[in-house]
């Protein structure tokens, strides 16, 4: 019975998404404008988180500038929703017209040399359209993207189906190293996309960077995979040309990833990501609590001087240190 219910929910969700995706972009953007009024003016979706992130990331900007960035974010976020809906039925021609990849000559040179490629990306709109990359690379190259499965299995299955529509294979983070090394053993050239600007769990923190005026814990798994597989590393620099039109420039970071010291690729990624955000601040995902883990709390949890700290004592120690 539960399986029948799940199949029904999936079928209804898929059908609704597909029907909405058939609407022309002009009408979908009208819906986005209505959605913007609700999200930005009525609900004020995650305003506290957004404003905190903006004021701490751009201390040099005044309130007028910050409000403009927040307003641009809300518009971009609502456009992201309808653009992702449209992705289900977009044609190859329409996607290639709306998202152009540039700087591919060096990427193709890596392929010609038998070298696979890692592409580092950030949560800049519209990252979902990056799944159209298979249209821009040779047919013998397998495009992959790493992702975290959604808790709801029906929606995870639905998003995975949409993301793989352009033949970009979705690989879970847990299975990433095994799958990519398997491709290497099979001599299959791949290009793998990583959106690596999320906040890692406490036990996955191995490196910190200065990112937008924050001491920031970062994922280093993408770098470790690239080094293991000998992949060339590029940054996908996203520019918004106008509403519904984007350019993703492939910028080389490290072609010989094994030759550089640990964390240098990760550091370079965050330098380029910050430059990308500073040029186009309105298209970054400011509603995410990116800096919820601090170095001070990390030291409380893992500093040997504190011994084995009971999690119930974390708040007490933080108060004693004046952190809250």
C-alpha atoms as a PDB file:
ATOM      1  CA  UNK A   1       0.000   0.000   0.000  1.00  0.00           C
ATOM      2  CA  UNK A   2       2.829   2.382   0.903  1.00  0.00           C
ATOM      3  CA  UNK A   3       4.552   1.645  -2.403  1.00  0.00           C
ATOM      4  CA  UNK A   4       1.348   2.415  -4.328  1.00  0.00           C
ATOM      5  CA  UNK A   5       0.987   5.694  -2.446  1.00  0.00           C
ATOM      6  CA  UNK A   6       4.593   6.657  -3.215  1.00  0.00           C
ATOM      7  CA  UNK A   7       4.143   5.848  -6.899  1.00  0.00           C
ATOM      8  CA  UNK A   8       0.956   7.936  -6.976  1.00  0.00           C
ATOM      9  CA  UNK A   9       2.647  10.916  -5.319  1.00  0.00           C
ATOM     10  CA  UNK A  10       5.558  10.651  -7.745  1.00  0.00           C
ATOM     11  CA  UNK A  11       3.273  10.425 -10.789  1.00  0.00           C
ATOM     12  CA  UNK A  12       1.180  13.415  -9.684  1.00  0.00           C
ATOM     13  CA  UNK A  13       4.266  15.504  -8.895  1.00  0.00           C
ATOM     14  CA  UNK A  14       5.886  14.609 -12.195  1.00  0.00           C
ATOM     15  CA  UNK A  15       2.702  15.378 -14.124  1.00  0.00           C
ATOM     16  CA  UNK A  16       2.217  18.766 -12.466  1.00  0.00           C
ATOM     17  CA  UNK A  17       5.860  19.715 -12.977  1.00  0.00           C
ATOM     18  CA  UNK A  18       5.740  18.676 -16.635  1.00  0.00           C
ATOM     19  CA  UNK A  19       2.516  20.607 -17.354  1.00  0.00           C
ATOM     20  CA  UNK A  20       3.927  23.761 -15.745  1.00  0.00           C
ATOM     21  CA  UNK A  21       7.175  23.355 -17.687  1.00  0.00           C
ATOM     22  CA  UNK A  22       5.241  23.577 -20.963  1.00  0.00           C
ATOM     23  CA  UNK A  23       4.306  27.183 -20.219  1.00  0.00           C
ATOM     24  CA  UNK A  24       6.329  29.743 -22.206  1.00  0.00           C
ATOM     25  CA  UNK A  25       9.167  31.449 -20.356  1.00  0.00           C
ATOM     26  CA  UNK A  26       7.395  34.806 -20.592  1.00  0.00           C
ATOM     27  CA  UNK A  27       4.425  33.449 -18.643  1.00  0.00           C
ATOM     28  CA  UNK A  28       6.658  31.652 -16.155  1.00  0.00           C
ATOM     29  CA  UNK A  29       8.425  34.940 -15.441  1.00  0.00           C
ATOM     30  CA  UNK A  30       5.031  36.544 -14.749  1.00  0.00           C
ATOM     31  CA  UNK A  31       4.500  33.772 -12.185  1.00  0.00           C
ATOM     32  CA  UNK A  32       7.986  34.509 -10.837  1.00  0.00           C
ATOM     33  CA  UNK A  33       7.073  38.171 -10.355  1.00  0.00           C
ATOM     34  CA  UNK A  34       3.962  37.163  -8.402  1.00  0.00           C
ATOM     35  CA  UNK A  35       6.034  34.725  -6.386  1.00  0.00           C
ATOM     36  CA  UNK A  36       8.553  37.507  -5.715  1.00  0.00           C
ATOM     37  CA  UNK A  37       5.860  39.750  -4.196  1.00  0.00           C
ATOM     38  CA  UNK A  38       4.756  36.943  -1.880  1.00  0.00           C
ATOM     39  CA  UNK A  39       8.273  35.824  -0.898  1.00  0.00           C
ATOM     40  CA  UNK A  40       9.973  39.223  -0.593  1.00  0.00           C
ATOM     41  CA  UNK A  41       7.167  41.553   0.519  1.00  0.00           C
ATOM     42  CA  UNK A  42       4.679  39.385   2.405  1.00  0.00           C
ATOM     43  CA  UNK A  43       6.526  36.382   3.861  1.00  0.00           C
ATOM     44  CA  UNK A  44       9.991  38.012   3.765  1.00  0.00           C
ATOM     45  CA  UNK A  45      11.516  34.580   3.324  1.00  0.00           C
ATOM     46  CA  UNK A  46      14.571  34.100   5.591  1.00  0.00           C
ATOM     47  CA  UNK A  47      15.134  37.839   5.721  1.00  0.00           C
ATOM     48  CA  UNK A  48      17.078  37.591   8.994  1.00  0.00           C
ATOM     49  CA  UNK A  49      19.526  35.045   7.588  1.00  0.00           C
ATOM     50  CA  UNK A  50      19.923  36.939   4.307  1.00  0.00           C
ATOM     51  CA  UNK A  51      20.494  40.308   5.995  1.00  0.00           C
ATOM     52  CA  UNK A  52      23.019  38.861   8.459  1.00  0.00           C
ATOM     53  CA  UNK A  53      24.948  37.192   5.634  1.00  0.00           C
ATOM     54  CA  UNK A  54      24.973  40.367   3.546  1.00  0.00           C
ATOM     55  CA  UNK A  55      25.983  42.791   6.298  1.00  0.00           C
ATOM     56  CA  UNK A  56      28.814  40.525   7.460  1.00  0.00           C
ATOM     57  CA  UNK A  57      30.010  39.743   3.924  1.00  0.00           C
ATOM     58  CA  UNK A  58      29.963  43.349   2.664  1.00  0.00           C
ATOM     59  CA  UNK A  59      30.813  45.598   5.637  1.00  0.00           C
ATOM     60  CA  UNK A  60      31.941  48.262   3.177  1.00  0.00           C
ATOM     61  CA  UNK A  61      28.446  48.661   1.678  1.00  0.00           C
ATOM     62  CA  UNK A  62      25.699  50.876   3.091  1.00  0.00           C
ATOM     63  CA  UNK A  63      22.111  49.819   3.773  1.00  0.00           C
ATOM     64  CA  UNK A  64      20.853  51.068   0.406  1.00  0.00           C
ATOM     65  CA  UNK A  65      23.348  48.891  -1.468  1.00  0.00           C
ATOM     66  CA  UNK A  66      22.620  45.890   0.727  1.00  0.00           C
ATOM     67  CA  UNK A  67      18.850  46.253   0.262  1.00  0.00           C
ATOM     68  CA  UNK A  68      19.401  46.325  -3.498  1.00  0.00           C
ATOM     69  CA  UNK A  69      21.405  43.099  -3.329  1.00  0.00           C
ATOM     70  CA  UNK A  70      18.700  41.500  -1.159  1.00  0.00           C
ATOM     71  CA  UNK A  71      16.031  42.605  -3.620  1.00  0.00           C
ATOM     72  CA  UNK A  72      18.057  41.236  -6.538  1.00  0.00           C
ATOM     73  CA  UNK A  73      18.468  37.966  -4.652  1.00  0.00           C
ATOM     74  CA  UNK A  74      14.719  37.578  -4.144  1.00  0.00           C
ATOM     75  CA  UNK A  75      14.105  38.217  -7.855  1.00  0.00           C
ATOM     76  CA  UNK A  76      16.844  35.746  -8.833  1.00  0.00           C
ATOM     77  CA  UNK A  77      15.600  33.136  -6.380  1.00  0.00           C
ATOM     78  CA  UNK A  78      12.056  33.300  -7.781  1.00  0.00           C
ATOM     79  CA  UNK A  79      13.415  33.123 -11.329  1.00  0.00           C
ATOM     80  CA  UNK A  80      15.474  30.100 -10.262  1.00  0.00           C
ATOM     81  CA  UNK A  81      12.292  28.296  -9.226  1.00  0.00           C
ATOM     82  CA  UNK A  82      10.488  28.803 -12.544  1.00  0.00           C
ATOM     83  CA  UNK A  83      13.659  28.212 -14.588  1.00  0.00           C
ATOM     84  CA  UNK A  84      14.122  24.899 -12.804  1.00  0.00           C
ATOM     85  CA  UNK A  85      10.499  24.021 -13.527  1.00  0.00           C
ATOM     86  CA  UNK A  86      11.107  24.821 -17.202  1.00  0.00           C
ATOM     87  CA  UNK A  87      14.169  22.547 -17.248  1.00  0.00           C
ATOM     88  CA  UNK A  88      11.950  19.458 -17.446  1.00  0.00           C
ATOM     89  CA  UNK A  89      10.837  20.199 -21.007  1.00  0.00           C
ATOM     90  CA  UNK A  90      13.476  22.597 -22.359  1.00  0.00           C
ATOM     91  CA  UNK A  91      14.922  21.638 -25.723  1.00  0.00           C
ATOM     92  CA  UNK A  92      18.627  21.351 -26.447  1.00  0.00           C
ATOM     93  CA  UNK A  93      18.433  24.446 -28.647  1.00  0.00           C
ATOM     94  CA  UNK A  94      16.692  26.513 -25.976  1.00  0.00           C
ATOM     95  CA  UNK A  95      19.111  25.496 -23.229  1.00  0.00           C
ATOM     96  CA  UNK A  96      22.182  26.188 -25.369  1.00  0.00           C
ATOM     97  CA  UNK A  97      20.781  29.609 -26.223  1.00  0.00           C
ATOM     98  CA  UNK A  98      20.052  30.527 -22.611  1.00  0.00           C
ATOM     99  CA  UNK A  99      23.206  29.119 -20.988  1.00  0.00           C
ATOM    100  CA  UNK A 100      26.422  29.460 -22.969  1.00  0.00           C
ATOM    101  CA  UNK A 101      29.666  27.785 -21.921  1.00  0.00           C
ATOM    102  CA  UNK A 102      32.887  29.592 -22.786  1.00  0.00           C
ATOM    103  CA  UNK A 103      36.578  28.821 -22.208  1.00  0.00           C
ATOM    104  CA  UNK A 104      36.134  25.245 -23.374  1.00  0.00           C
ATOM    105  CA  UNK A 105      39.289  25.075 -25.489  1.00  0.00           C
ATOM    106  CA  UNK A 106      41.509  24.196 -22.513  1.00  0.00           C
ATOM    107  CA  UNK A 107      38.911  21.725 -21.257  1.00  0.00           C
ATOM    108  CA  UNK A 108      38.913  19.967 -24.633  1.00  0.00           C
ATOM    109  CA  UNK A 109      42.716  19.979 -24.605  1.00  0.00           C
ATOM    110  CA  UNK A 110      42.598  18.013 -21.354  1.00  0.00           C
ATOM    111  CA  UNK A 111      40.212  15.533 -22.962  1.00  0.00           C
ATOM    112  CA  UNK A 112      42.533  15.196 -25.968  1.00  0.00           C
ATOM    113  CA  UNK A 113      45.347  14.347 -23.538  1.00  0.00           C
ATOM    114  CA  UNK A 114      43.217  11.654 -21.934  1.00  0.00           C
ATOM    115  CA  UNK A 115      42.737  13.687 -18.755  1.00  0.00           C
ATOM    116  CA  UNK A 116      39.428  13.980 -16.911  1.00  0.00           C
ATOM    117  CA  UNK A 117      38.220  17.302 -15.502  1.00  0.00           C
ATOM    118  CA  UNK A 118      36.729  18.629 -12.268  1.00  0.00           C
ATOM    119  CA  UNK A 119      34.543  21.740 -12.437  1.00  0.00           C
ATOM    120  CA  UNK A 120      34.049  23.661  -9.212  1.00  0.00           C
ATOM    121  CA  UNK A 121      30.815  25.654  -8.991  1.00  0.00           C
ATOM    122  CA  UNK A 122      29.018  27.773  -6.424  1.00  0.00           C
ATOM    123  CA  UNK A 123      25.367  28.235  -5.569  1.00  0.00           C
ATOM    124  CA  UNK A 124      24.938  30.959  -8.165  1.00  0.00           C
ATOM    125  CA  UNK A 125      21.727  31.009 -10.193  1.00  0.00           C
ATOM    126  CA  UNK A 126      20.949  29.095 -12.197  1.00  0.00           C
ATOM    127  CA  UNK A 127      23.195  26.231 -11.287  1.00  0.00           C
ATOM    128  CA  UNK A 128      20.541  23.676 -12.282  1.00  0.00           C
ATOM    129  CA  UNK A 129      21.014  24.598 -15.958  1.00  0.00           C
ATOM    130  CA  UNK A 130      24.679  23.554 -15.728  1.00  0.00           C
ATOM    131  CA  UNK A 131      23.340  20.037 -16.365  1.00  0.00           C
ATOM    132  CA  UNK A 132      23.242  21.065 -20.040  1.00  0.00           C
ATOM    133  CA  UNK A 133      27.058  20.744 -20.179  1.00  0.00           C
ATOM    134  CA  UNK A 134      26.830  17.427 -22.122  1.00  0.00           C
ATOM    135  CA  UNK A 135      25.633  19.481 -25.117  1.00  0.00           C
ATOM    136  CA  UNK A 136      28.985  21.320 -25.143  1.00  0.00           C
ATOM    137  CA  UNK A 137      31.546  18.521 -24.722  1.00  0.00           C
ATOM    138  CA  UNK A 138      32.530  15.577 -26.956  1.00  0.00           C
ATOM    139  CA  UNK A 139      30.098  12.688 -26.962  1.00  0.00           C
ATOM    140  CA  UNK A 140      32.663  10.222 -25.621  1.00  0.00           C
ATOM    141  CA  UNK A 141      33.012  12.212 -22.370  1.00  0.00           C
ATOM    142  CA  UNK A 142      30.738  11.250 -19.485  1.00  0.00           C
ATOM    143  CA  UNK A 143      29.366  14.262 -17.595  1.00  0.00           C
ATOM    144  CA  UNK A 144      28.672  13.740 -13.889  1.00  0.00           C
ATOM    145  CA  UNK A 145      27.471  15.866 -11.012  1.00  0.00           C
ATOM    146  CA  UNK A 146      27.768  15.128  -7.314  1.00  0.00           C
ATOM    147  CA  UNK A 147      24.712  15.703  -5.157  1.00  0.00           C
ATOM    148  CA  UNK A 148      23.214  15.106  -1.735  1.00  0.00           C
ATOM    149  CA  UNK A 149      20.047  12.967  -1.983  1.00  0.00           C
ATOM    150  CA  UNK A 150      16.888  14.650  -0.710  1.00  0.00           C
ATOM    151  CA  UNK A 151      15.262  13.166   2.379  1.00  0.00           C
ATOM    152  CA  UNK A 152      11.953  12.746   0.553  1.00  0.00           C
ATOM    153  CA  UNK A 153      12.578   9.814  -1.784  1.00  0.00           C
ATOM    154  CA  UNK A 154       9.842  10.835  -4.237  1.00  0.00           C
ATOM    155  CA  UNK A 155      11.228  14.343  -4.699  1.00  0.00           C
ATOM    156  CA  UNK A 156      14.776  13.001  -4.810  1.00  0.00           C
ATOM    157  CA  UNK A 157      13.773  10.645  -7.628  1.00  0.00           C
ATOM    158  CA  UNK A 158      11.982  13.493  -9.413  1.00  0.00           C
ATOM    159  CA  UNK A 159      14.874  15.962  -9.193  1.00  0.00           C
ATOM    160  CA  UNK A 160      17.333  13.289 -10.221  1.00  0.00           C
ATOM    161  CA  UNK A 161      15.265  12.513 -13.320  1.00  0.00           C
ATOM    162  CA  UNK A 162      15.148  16.186 -14.323  1.00  0.00           C
ATOM    163  CA  UNK A 163      18.856  16.720 -13.667  1.00  0.00           C
ATOM    164  CA  UNK A 164      19.794  13.678 -15.747  1.00  0.00           C
ATOM    165  CA  UNK A 165      17.570  14.647 -18.676  1.00  0.00           C
ATOM    166  CA  UNK A 166      20.581  16.056 -20.582  1.00  0.00           C
ATOM    167  CA  UNK A 167      22.641  12.893 -19.842  1.00  0.00           C
ATOM    168  CA  UNK A 168      24.591  14.362 -16.916  1.00  0.00           C
ATOM    169  CA  UNK A 169      24.806  11.461 -14.475  1.00  0.00           C
ATOM    170  CA  UNK A 170      23.997  12.206 -10.822  1.00  0.00           C
ATOM    171  CA  UNK A 171      26.339  10.556  -8.292  1.00  0.00           C
ATOM    172  CA  UNK A 172      25.756  10.692  -4.550  1.00  0.00           C
ATOM    173  CA  UNK A 173      28.523  12.166  -2.409  1.00  0.00           C
ATOM    174  CA  UNK A 174      28.835   8.892  -0.516  1.00  0.00           C
ATOM    175  CA  UNK A 175      29.514   6.978  -3.729  1.00  0.00           C
ATOM    176  CA  UNK A 176      31.601   9.624  -5.498  1.00  0.00           C
ATOM    177  CA  UNK A 177      35.182   8.438  -4.983  1.00  0.00           C
ATOM    178  CA  UNK A 178      34.390   4.819  -5.838  1.00  0.00           C
ATOM    179  CA  UNK A 179      32.500   5.728  -9.013  1.00  0.00           C
ATOM    180  CA  UNK A 180      35.082   8.216 -10.281  1.00  0.00           C
ATOM    181  CA  UNK A 181      38.015   5.881  -9.656  1.00  0.00           C
ATOM    182  CA  UNK A 182      36.042   3.156 -11.421  1.00  0.00           C
ATOM    183  CA  UNK A 183      35.767   5.414 -14.473  1.00  0.00           C
ATOM    184  CA  UNK A 184      39.525   5.993 -14.270  1.00  0.00           C
ATOM    185  CA  UNK A 185      40.216   2.234 -14.250  1.00  0.00           C
ATOM    186  CA  UNK A 186      37.935   1.862 -17.271  1.00  0.00           C
ATOM    187  CA  UNK A 187      39.837   4.707 -19.025  1.00  0.00           C
ATOM    188  CA  UNK A 188      36.571   6.589 -19.341  1.00  0.00           C
ATOM    189  CA  UNK A 189      37.105  10.345 -19.595  1.00  0.00           C
ATOM    190  CA  UNK A 190      34.735  12.275 -17.333  1.00  0.00           C
ATOM    191  CA  UNK A 191      33.930  15.847 -16.389  1.00  0.00           C
ATOM    192  CA  UNK A 192      32.579  16.123 -12.857  1.00  0.00           C
ATOM    193  CA  UNK A 193      30.725  19.101 -11.391  1.00  0.00           C
ATOM    194  CA  UNK A 194      31.084  19.956  -7.698  1.00  0.00           C
ATOM    195  CA  UNK A 195      29.045  22.585  -5.858  1.00  0.00           C
ATOM    196  CA  UNK A 196      31.402  22.751  -2.912  1.00  0.00           C
ATOM    197  CA  UNK A 197      30.353  25.859  -0.967  1.00  0.00           C
ATOM    198  CA  UNK A 198      28.067  24.180   1.588  1.00  0.00           C
ATOM    199  CA  UNK A 199      28.793  24.039   5.309  1.00  0.00           C
ATOM    200  CA  UNK A 200      30.392  20.693   6.248  1.00  0.00           C
ATOM    201  CA  UNK A 201      29.383  18.728   9.328  1.00  0.00           C
ATOM    202  CA  UNK A 202      31.660  19.127  12.333  1.00  0.00           C
ATOM    203  CA  UNK A 203      33.378  15.780  11.771  1.00  0.00           C
ATOM    204  CA  UNK A 204      34.091  16.670   8.110  1.00  0.00           C
ATOM    205  CA  UNK A 205      35.925  19.917   8.841  1.00  0.00           C
ATOM    206  CA  UNK A 206      39.611  19.695   7.852  1.00  0.00           C
ATOM    207  CA  UNK A 207      40.338  23.163   6.478  1.00  0.00           C
ATOM    208  CA  UNK A 208      39.294  26.791   6.944  1.00  0.00           C
ATOM    209  CA  UNK A 209      39.474  29.707   4.494  1.00  0.00           C
ATOM    210  CA  UNK A 210      38.891  33.455   4.597  1.00  0.00           C
ATOM    211  CA  UNK A 211      35.722  33.770   2.534  1.00  0.00           C
ATOM    212  CA  UNK A 212      33.706  37.004   2.350  1.00  0.00           C
ATOM    213  CA  UNK A 213      35.110  38.282   5.666  1.00  0.00           C
ATOM    214  CA  UNK A 214      34.310  35.005   7.448  1.00  0.00           C
ATOM    215  CA  UNK A 215      36.595  32.334   8.879  1.00  0.00           C
ATOM    216  CA  UNK A 216      34.878  29.549   6.934  1.00  0.00           C
ATOM    217  CA  UNK A 217      34.997  25.751   7.272  1.00  0.00           C
ATOM    218  CA  UNK A 218      34.999  24.139   3.833  1.00  0.00           C
ATOM    219  CA  UNK A 219      34.628  20.789   2.120  1.00  0.00           C
ATOM    220  CA  UNK A 220      37.887  19.369   0.796  1.00  0.00           C
ATOM    221  CA  UNK A 221      36.489  16.136  -0.637  1.00  0.00           C
ATOM    222  CA  UNK A 222      36.357  17.493  -4.188  1.00  0.00           C
ATOM    223  CA  UNK A 223      40.072  18.273  -4.052  1.00  0.00           C
ATOM    224  CA  UNK A 224      40.912  14.833  -2.664  1.00  0.00           C
ATOM    225  CA  UNK A 225      38.911  13.135  -5.438  1.00  0.00           C
ATOM    226  CA  UNK A 226      40.536  15.299  -8.134  1.00  0.00           C
ATOM    227  CA  UNK A 227      43.999  14.460  -6.817  1.00  0.00           C
ATOM    228  CA  UNK A 228      43.265  10.736  -6.553  1.00  0.00           C
ATOM    229  CA  UNK A 229      41.961  10.661 -10.119  1.00  0.00           C
ATOM    230  CA  UNK A 230      44.547  13.096 -11.554  1.00  0.00           C
ATOM    231  CA  UNK A 231      41.835  15.429 -12.843  1.00  0.00           C
ATOM    232  CA  UNK A 232      42.423  18.950 -14.110  1.00  0.00           C
ATOM    233  CA  UNK A 233      40.529  21.518 -12.005  1.00  0.00           C
ATOM    234  CA  UNK A 234      38.468  24.373 -13.445  1.00  0.00           C
ATOM    235  CA  UNK A 235      36.171  26.976 -11.914  1.00  0.00           C
ATOM    236  CA  UNK A 236      32.800  27.631 -13.576  1.00  0.00           C
ATOM    237  CA  UNK A 237      32.460  31.427 -13.393  1.00  0.00           C
ATOM    238  CA  UNK A 238      28.786  32.303 -13.854  1.00  0.00           C
ATOM    239  CA  UNK A 239      27.640  35.616 -15.299  1.00  0.00           C
ATOM    240  CA  UNK A 240      24.031  36.719 -15.668  1.00  0.00           C
ATOM    241  CA  UNK A 241      23.736  38.475 -19.018  1.00  0.00           C
ATOM    242  CA  UNK A 242      20.070  39.380 -18.604  1.00  0.00           C
ATOM    243  CA  UNK A 243      16.959  37.741 -17.268  1.00  0.00           C
ATOM    244  CA  UNK A 244      16.973  34.075 -18.257  1.00  0.00           C
ATOM    245  CA  UNK A 245      20.379  34.215 -19.994  1.00  0.00           C
ATOM    246  CA  UNK A 246      23.665  33.133 -18.444  1.00  0.00           C
ATOM    247  CA  UNK A 247      27.290  32.445 -19.364  1.00  0.00           C
ATOM    248  CA  UNK A 248      29.485  29.892 -17.594  1.00  0.00           C
ATOM    249  CA  UNK A 249      33.178  30.533 -18.244  1.00  0.00           C
ATOM    250  CA  UNK A 250      35.502  27.596 -17.615  1.00  0.00           C
ATOM    251  CA  UNK A 251      38.513  29.099 -15.840  1.00  0.00           C
ATOM    252  CA  UNK A 252      41.532  26.794 -15.355  1.00  0.00           C
ATOM    253  CA  UNK A 253      42.747  26.552 -11.765  1.00  0.00           C
ATOM    254  CA  UNK A 254      45.142  23.598 -11.588  1.00  0.00           C
ATOM    255  CA  UNK A 255      45.748  21.368 -14.608  1.00  0.00           C
ATOM    256  CA  UNK A 256      48.163  19.074 -12.760  1.00  0.00           C
ATOM    257  CA  UNK A 257      46.202  18.649  -9.540  1.00  0.00           C
ATOM    258  CA  UNK A 258      48.629  16.112  -8.056  1.00  0.00           C
ATOM    259  CA  UNK A 259      51.540  18.555  -8.264  1.00  0.00           C
ATOM    260  CA  UNK A 260      50.131  21.193  -5.877  1.00  0.00           C
ATOM    261  CA  UNK A 261      50.145  21.172  -2.054  1.00  0.00           C
ATOM    262  CA  UNK A 262      47.064  20.044  -0.164  1.00  0.00           C
ATOM    263  CA  UNK A 263      44.243  22.599   0.056  1.00  0.00           C
ATOM    264  CA  UNK A 264      45.734  24.890  -2.608  1.00  0.00           C
ATOM    265  CA  UNK A 265      42.988  23.947  -5.072  1.00  0.00           C
ATOM    266  CA  UNK A 266      40.320  24.526  -2.423  1.00  0.00           C
ATOM    267  CA  UNK A 267      41.816  27.919  -1.530  1.00  0.00           C
ATOM    268  CA  UNK A 268      41.892  28.946  -5.192  1.00  0.00           C
ATOM    269  CA  UNK A 269      38.292  27.817  -5.644  1.00  0.00           C
ATOM    270  CA  UNK A 270      37.077  30.054  -2.825  1.00  0.00           C
ATOM    271  CA  UNK A 271      39.104  33.006  -4.128  1.00  0.00           C
ATOM    272  CA  UNK A 272      37.421  32.690  -7.511  1.00  0.00           C
ATOM    273  CA  UNK A 273      34.007  32.063  -5.969  1.00  0.00           C
ATOM    274  CA  UNK A 274      34.304  35.231  -3.888  1.00  0.00           C
ATOM    275  CA  UNK A 275      35.311  37.234  -6.978  1.00  0.00           C
ATOM    276  CA  UNK A 276      32.287  35.788  -8.807  1.00  0.00           C
ATOM    277  CA  UNK A 277      29.951  36.737  -5.953  1.00  0.00           C
ATOM    278  CA  UNK A 278      31.366  40.249  -5.669  1.00  0.00           C
ATOM    279  CA  UNK A 279      30.756  40.852  -9.365  1.00  0.00           C
ATOM    280  CA  UNK A 280      27.228  39.380  -9.299  1.00  0.00           C
ATOM    281  CA  UNK A 281      26.096  39.454  -5.634  1.00  0.00           C
ATOM    282  CA  UNK A 282      22.395  39.227  -6.434  1.00  0.00           C
ATOM    283  CA  UNK A 283      22.615  35.732  -7.918  1.00  0.00           C
ATOM    284  CA  UNK A 284      24.204  34.016  -4.897  1.00  0.00           C
ATOM    285  CA  UNK A 285      22.154  31.881  -2.483  1.00  0.00           C
ATOM    286  CA  UNK A 286      22.185  34.228   0.518  1.00  0.00           C
ATOM    287  CA  UNK A 287      19.334  32.408   2.284  1.00  0.00           C
ATOM    288  CA  UNK A 288      21.639  29.511   3.207  1.00  0.00           C
ATOM    289  CA  UNK A 289      23.118  29.555   6.743  1.00  0.00           C
ATOM    290  CA  UNK A 290      26.614  29.187   5.352  1.00  0.00           C
ATOM    291  CA  UNK A 291      28.488  30.384   8.437  1.00  0.00           C
ATOM    292  CA  UNK A 292      26.612  28.551  11.190  1.00  0.00           C
ATOM    293  CA  UNK A 293      29.779  26.696  12.281  1.00  0.00           C
ATOM    294  CA  UNK A 294      32.465  28.847  13.866  1.00  0.00           C
ATOM    295  CA  UNK A 295      36.129  28.159  14.520  1.00  0.00           C
ATOM    296  CA  UNK A 296      35.592  28.952  18.208  1.00  0.00           C
ATOM    297  CA  UNK A 297      32.938  26.262  18.591  1.00  0.00           C
ATOM    298  CA  UNK A 298      35.033  23.833  16.564  1.00  0.00           C
ATOM    299  CA  UNK A 299      37.894  24.335  19.033  1.00  0.00           C
ATOM    300  CA  UNK A 300      35.527  23.725  21.938  1.00  0.00           C
ATOM    301  CA  UNK A 301      34.343  20.484  20.407  1.00  0.00           C
ATOM    302  CA  UNK A 302      37.700  19.123  19.250  1.00  0.00           C
ATOM    303  CA  UNK A 303      40.465  20.897  21.164  1.00  0.00           C
ATOM    304  CA  UNK A 304      42.256  18.251  23.285  1.00  0.00           C
ATOM    305  CA  UNK A 305      42.623  20.823  26.099  1.00  0.00           C
ATOM    306  CA  UNK A 306      38.896  20.609  26.688  1.00  0.00           C
ATOM    307  CA  UNK A 307      38.968  16.826  26.979  1.00  0.00           C
ATOM    308  CA  UNK A 308      35.910  14.907  25.836  1.00  0.00           C
ATOM    309  CA  UNK A 309      33.176  17.526  25.869  1.00  0.00           C
ATOM    310  CA  UNK A 310      29.588  16.419  26.383  1.00  0.00           C
ATOM    311  CA  UNK A 311      27.449  18.110  23.746  1.00  0.00           C
ATOM    312  CA  UNK A 312      25.155  19.306  26.526  1.00  0.00           C
ATOM    313  CA  UNK A 313      28.083  21.323  27.895  1.00  0.00           C
ATOM    314  CA  UNK A 314      28.801  23.135  24.612  1.00  0.00           C
ATOM    315  CA  UNK A 315      26.447  26.013  25.388  1.00  0.00           C
ATOM    316  CA  UNK A 316      27.926  26.404  28.876  1.00  0.00           C
ATOM    317  CA  UNK A 317      31.497  26.582  27.543  1.00  0.00           C
ATOM    318  CA  UNK A 318      30.465  29.032  24.817  1.00  0.00           C
ATOM    319  CA  UNK A 319      28.898  31.311  27.451  1.00  0.00           C
ATOM    320  CA  UNK A 320      32.021  31.134  29.606  1.00  0.00           C
ATOM    321  CA  UNK A 321      34.145  32.161  26.611  1.00  0.00           C
ATOM    322  CA  UNK A 322      31.751  35.007  25.755  1.00  0.00           C
ATOM    323  CA  UNK A 323      30.808  33.514  22.398  1.00  0.00           C
ATOM    324  CA  UNK A 324      27.062  33.819  23.037  1.00  0.00           C
END
